[in-house]
Amino acid sequence: MNHLQTLETGIEDIVFVSFKEDWLINNNGLVNLDAKTNEQIHEGYMNTPKKPLGS
């Protein structure tokens, strides 16, 4: 994970979310999610257009 966020990849923030356990880890650290925020993130993720592998 240390090497994912580089100038070459263009990745600015990496986010890990547990919808089951209600937490999020990103550049700002670990955050406990309330039900509303968990739902908003989940809906946003589920509505993200899928890209074909290798794109």
N, C-alpha and C. Protein backbone atom coordinates (compact mmCIF):
# COMPACT_ATOMS: atom_id res chain seq x y z
N MET A 1 0.81 -1.18 0.00
CA MET A 1 0.00 0.00 0.00
C MET A 1 0.86 1.26 0.00
N ASN A 2 2.04 1.16 0.55
CA ASN A 2 2.91 2.34 0.60
C ASN A 2 3.21 2.90 -0.77
N HIS A 3 3.27 2.05 -1.78
CA HIS A 3 3.69 2.49 -3.11
C HIS A 3 2.53 2.76 -4.06
N LEU A 4 1.30 2.61 -3.61
CA LEU A 4 0.14 2.88 -4.48
C LEU A 4 -0.04 4.37 -4.73
N GLN A 5 0.26 5.17 -3.74
CA GLN A 5 0.00 6.61 -3.82
C GLN A 5 1.27 7.33 -4.26
N THR A 6 1.49 7.36 -5.57
CA THR A 6 2.67 8.01 -6.12
C THR A 6 2.25 8.98 -7.21
N LEU A 7 3.15 9.84 -7.62
CA LEU A 7 2.86 10.77 -8.70
C LEU A 7 2.54 10.05 -10.00
N GLU A 8 3.19 8.91 -10.22
CA GLU A 8 2.99 8.18 -11.47
C GLU A 8 1.58 7.60 -11.59
N THR A 9 0.98 7.18 -10.47
CA THR A 9 -0.34 6.56 -10.52
C THR A 9 -1.46 7.60 -10.50
N GLY A 10 -1.19 8.78 -9.99
CA GLY A 10 -2.21 9.81 -9.90
C GLY A 10 -3.20 9.60 -8.76
N ILE A 11 -2.95 8.62 -7.92
CA ILE A 11 -3.85 8.34 -6.79
C ILE A 11 -3.55 9.33 -5.68
N GLU A 12 -4.59 10.05 -5.26
CA GLU A 12 -4.42 11.05 -4.20
C GLU A 12 -4.88 10.56 -2.84
N ASP A 13 -5.86 9.66 -2.82
CA ASP A 13 -6.40 9.18 -1.56
C ASP A 13 -6.85 7.74 -1.74
N ILE A 14 -6.49 6.88 -0.82
CA ILE A 14 -6.91 5.49 -0.82
C ILE A 14 -7.88 5.33 0.35
N VAL A 15 -9.02 4.71 0.08
CA VAL A 15 -10.04 4.57 1.10
C VAL A 15 -10.42 3.11 1.26
N PHE A 16 -10.41 2.63 2.51
CA PHE A 16 -10.91 1.31 2.86
C PHE A 16 -12.13 1.51 3.75
N VAL A 17 -13.23 0.83 3.42
CA VAL A 17 -14.46 0.99 4.18
C VAL A 17 -14.97 -0.38 4.60
N SER A 18 -15.40 -0.48 5.84
CA SER A 18 -16.13 -1.66 6.29
C SER A 18 -17.57 -1.24 6.54
N PHE A 19 -18.46 -1.64 5.63
CA PHE A 19 -19.87 -1.34 5.82
C PHE A 19 -20.44 -2.16 6.96
N LYS A 20 -19.91 -3.34 7.16
CA LYS A 20 -20.39 -4.23 8.23
C LYS A 20 -19.99 -3.70 9.60
N GLU A 21 -18.76 -3.22 9.73
CA GLU A 21 -18.24 -2.78 11.04
C GLU A 21 -18.29 -1.26 11.22
N ASP A 22 -18.75 -0.52 10.21
CA ASP A 22 -18.94 0.93 10.28
C ASP A 22 -17.66 1.72 10.54
N TRP A 23 -16.61 1.45 9.74
CA TRP A 23 -15.40 2.25 9.85
C TRP A 23 -14.86 2.56 8.46
N LEU A 24 -14.00 3.58 8.41
CA LEU A 24 -13.36 4.02 7.18
C LEU A 24 -11.92 4.40 7.50
N ILE A 25 -10.99 4.00 6.65
CA ILE A 25 -9.59 4.41 6.77
C ILE A 25 -9.22 5.11 5.47
N ASN A 26 -8.66 6.34 5.60
CA ASN A 26 -8.17 7.07 4.43
C ASN A 26 -6.93 7.86 4.84
N ASN A 27 -6.57 8.87 4.05
CA ASN A 27 -5.38 9.66 4.37
C ASN A 27 -5.49 10.37 5.71
N ASN A 28 -6.70 10.58 6.17
CA ASN A 28 -6.91 11.27 7.44
C ASN A 28 -6.91 10.33 8.65
N GLY A 29 -6.86 9.04 8.42
CA GLY A 29 -6.82 8.07 9.51
C GLY A 29 -8.08 7.23 9.58
N LEU A 30 -8.35 6.70 10.78
CA LEU A 30 -9.49 5.82 11.03
C LEU A 30 -10.66 6.63 11.54
N VAL A 31 -11.84 6.38 10.97
CA VAL A 31 -13.05 7.10 11.35
C VAL A 31 -14.17 6.10 11.59
N ASN A 32 -14.90 6.25 12.68
CA ASN A 32 -16.12 5.47 12.89
C ASN A 32 -17.24 6.14 12.12
N LEU A 33 -18.02 5.35 11.39
CA LEU A 33 -19.10 5.88 10.58
C LEU A 33 -20.43 5.77 11.31
N ASP A 34 -21.22 6.86 11.24
CA ASP A 34 -22.58 6.76 11.73
C ASP A 34 -23.42 6.12 10.62
N ALA A 35 -24.65 5.74 10.95
CA ALA A 35 -25.49 5.03 9.99
C ALA A 35 -25.73 5.84 8.72
N LYS A 36 -25.96 7.15 8.86
CA LYS A 36 -26.24 8.00 7.70
C LYS A 36 -25.03 8.06 6.77
N THR A 37 -23.83 8.28 7.32
CA THR A 37 -22.62 8.37 6.50
C THR A 37 -22.33 7.04 5.84
N ASN A 38 -22.50 5.95 6.58
CA ASN A 38 -22.30 4.60 6.03
C ASN A 38 -23.21 4.40 4.83
N GLU A 39 -24.48 4.79 4.96
CA GLU A 39 -25.44 4.62 3.87
C GLU A 39 -25.07 5.48 2.66
N GLN A 40 -24.63 6.73 2.90
CA GLN A 40 -24.24 7.63 1.81
C GLN A 40 -23.05 7.06 1.03
N ILE A 41 -22.06 6.57 1.75
CA ILE A 41 -20.87 6.01 1.09
C ILE A 41 -21.26 4.76 0.32
N HIS A 42 -22.07 3.91 0.93
CA HIS A 42 -22.49 2.67 0.28
C HIS A 42 -23.27 2.96 -1.01
N GLU A 43 -24.20 3.91 -0.96
CA GLU A 43 -24.97 4.27 -2.15
C GLU A 43 -24.05 4.84 -3.24
N GLY A 44 -23.11 5.69 -2.84
CA GLY A 44 -22.16 6.24 -3.81
C GLY A 44 -21.32 5.17 -4.46
N TYR A 45 -20.87 4.21 -3.67
CA TYR A 45 -20.06 3.11 -4.19
C TYR A 45 -20.88 2.24 -5.15
N MET A 46 -22.10 1.93 -4.77
CA MET A 46 -22.94 1.06 -5.59
C MET A 46 -23.34 1.75 -6.89
N ASN A 47 -23.35 3.09 -6.93
CA ASN A 47 -23.73 3.83 -8.14
C ASN A 47 -22.54 4.23 -9.00
N THR A 48 -21.33 3.85 -8.59
CA THR A 48 -20.13 4.15 -9.37
C THR A 48 -20.11 3.29 -10.63
N PRO A 49 -19.96 3.89 -11.81
CA PRO A 49 -19.90 3.09 -13.04
C PRO A 49 -18.73 2.12 -12.98
N LYS A 50 -18.97 0.93 -13.43
CA LYS A 50 -17.93 -0.11 -13.45
C LYS A 50 -17.07 0.05 -14.70
N LYS A 51 -15.76 -0.14 -14.53
CA LYS A 51 -14.85 -0.08 -15.66
C LYS A 51 -14.40 -1.50 -15.98
N PRO A 52 -14.25 -1.82 -17.26
CA PRO A 52 -13.74 -3.14 -17.63
C PRO A 52 -12.32 -3.31 -17.12
N LEU A 53 -11.95 -4.54 -16.79
CA LEU A 53 -10.58 -4.81 -16.34
C LEU A 53 -9.60 -4.38 -17.41
N GLY A 54 -8.47 -3.82 -17.00
CA GLY A 54 -7.44 -3.38 -17.91
C GLY A 54 -7.64 -1.98 -18.44
N SER A 55 -8.66 -1.28 -17.95
CA SER A 55 -8.92 0.09 -18.42
C SER A 55 -8.06 1.08 -17.70
